[in-house]
Amino acid sequence: MNRFVYLRTHKRQRMTVSLPTDLLERVRDAAYWMPGTTMAGLISSALEGFLTKLESQNGRPFSPRLQDLKPGRPRTIKPSDTPVSEDIQPVSSRIRA
């Protein structure tokens, strides 16, 4: 009996991602040694389980996106770009000479 839950939706969409080589090899090995299992099925089941866990930690499902995701890698925020609360005043403005 297959232990994995396969997501059967009316619509499926292709997604291309880069994965670490060792992880990809593990997925290939698992799909090979589990009759009737596909890599797509393994990945779908893993993502479904992980998202269910994240939503549980969040207390509810995530709200729909307000806009499309930007393509490419996320840019890192430099310390100087980090937004600072307007309630925080620089220490130097409080120091009396």
Protein backbone atom coordinates (compact mmCIF):
# COMPACT_ATOMS: atom_id res chain seq x y z
CA MET A 1 0.00 0.00 0.00
CA ASN A 2 1.32 3.43 -0.88
CA ARG A 3 1.87 5.62 2.21
CA PHE A 4 1.95 8.91 0.32
CA VAL A 5 -1.04 11.12 -0.26
CA TYR A 6 -1.20 12.26 -3.85
CA LEU A 7 -2.83 15.55 -4.53
CA ARG A 8 -5.42 15.17 -7.25
CA THR A 9 -6.48 18.58 -8.37
CA HIS A 10 -8.23 19.52 -11.55
CA LYS A 11 -5.40 21.85 -12.43
CA ARG A 12 -1.71 21.18 -12.21
CA GLN A 13 1.07 23.60 -12.96
CA ARG A 14 4.71 22.99 -13.72
CA MET A 15 7.27 24.62 -11.40
CA THR A 16 11.01 24.64 -11.89
CA VAL A 17 13.25 24.82 -8.82
CA SER A 18 16.91 24.20 -8.10
CA LEU A 19 17.49 21.70 -5.31
CA PRO A 20 20.67 20.54 -3.60
CA THR A 21 22.09 17.56 -5.50
CA ASP A 22 22.09 15.25 -2.47
CA LEU A 23 18.42 16.01 -1.76
CA LEU A 24 17.45 15.40 -5.37
CA GLU A 25 19.31 12.06 -5.34
CA ARG A 26 17.45 11.03 -2.17
CA VAL A 27 14.12 11.83 -3.83
CA ARG A 28 15.12 9.83 -6.92
CA ASP A 29 16.19 6.89 -4.75
CA ALA A 30 12.91 6.96 -2.80
CA ALA A 31 10.84 7.08 -6.00
CA TYR A 32 12.87 4.20 -7.45
CA TRP A 33 12.51 1.92 -4.41
CA MET A 34 8.81 2.60 -3.73
CA PRO A 35 6.70 0.99 -6.46
CA GLY A 36 4.02 3.28 -7.83
CA THR A 37 5.66 6.38 -6.39
CA THR A 38 6.76 9.27 -8.55
CA MET A 39 9.11 12.12 -7.78
CA ALA A 40 6.24 14.56 -8.35
CA GLY A 41 4.10 12.63 -5.87
CA LEU A 42 6.83 12.60 -3.24
CA ILE A 43 7.47 16.33 -3.63
CA SER A 44 3.74 17.18 -3.57
CA SER A 45 3.23 15.15 -0.40
CA ALA A 46 6.26 16.72 1.27
CA LEU A 47 5.15 20.26 0.38
CA GLU A 48 1.59 19.57 1.53
CA GLY A 49 2.84 18.27 4.89
CA PHE A 50 5.27 21.14 5.36
CA LEU A 51 2.66 23.80 4.50
CA THR A 52 0.14 22.17 6.84
CA LYS A 53 2.74 22.41 9.63
CA LEU A 54 3.51 26.07 8.82
CA GLU A 55 -0.21 26.93 8.75
CA SER A 56 -0.66 25.19 12.10
CA GLN A 57 2.20 27.22 13.59
CA ASN A 58 0.67 30.36 12.04
CA GLY A 59 -2.69 29.53 13.62
CA ARG A 60 -4.51 29.58 10.28
CA PRO A 61 -3.86 29.26 6.56
CA PHE A 62 -1.86 32.10 5.08
CA SER A 63 -3.84 34.91 3.46
CA PRO A 64 -3.73 35.16 -0.33
CA ARG A 65 -0.86 37.20 -1.75
CA LEU A 66 -1.51 40.90 -2.30
CA GLN A 67 0.73 40.90 -5.37
CA ASP A 68 2.75 38.51 -7.50
CA LEU A 69 6.06 37.31 -6.12
CA LYS A 70 9.11 38.94 -7.62
CA PRO A 71 11.07 36.55 -9.84
CA GLY A 72 14.59 35.50 -8.92
CA ARG A 73 16.40 35.25 -5.63
CA PRO A 74 15.31 37.49 -2.77
CA ARG A 75 17.66 40.39 -2.18
CA THR A 76 19.25 40.47 1.25
CA ILE A 77 18.49 43.45 3.45
CA LYS A 78 21.61 45.35 4.43
CA PRO A 79 21.70 46.64 8.02
CA SER A 80 21.53 50.23 6.74
CA ASP A 81 18.38 49.37 4.75
CA THR A 82 16.58 47.92 7.75
CA PRO A 83 13.54 50.04 8.57
CA VAL A 84 13.69 51.67 11.97
CA SER A 85 10.61 52.48 13.98
CA GLU A 86 9.76 56.18 14.17
CA ASP A 87 9.41 55.73 17.94
CA ILE A 88 13.12 55.02 18.29
CA GLN A 89 15.22 58.13 18.72
CA PRO A 90 18.98 58.14 18.16
CA VAL A 91 20.91 57.96 21.43
CA SER A 92 23.20 60.81 20.36
CA SER A 93 20.26 63.28 20.40
CA ARG A 94 19.78 62.64 24.12
CA ILE A 95 23.42 63.02 25.16
CA ARG A 96 24.25 66.42 26.61
CA ALA A 97 27.74 67.78 26.16
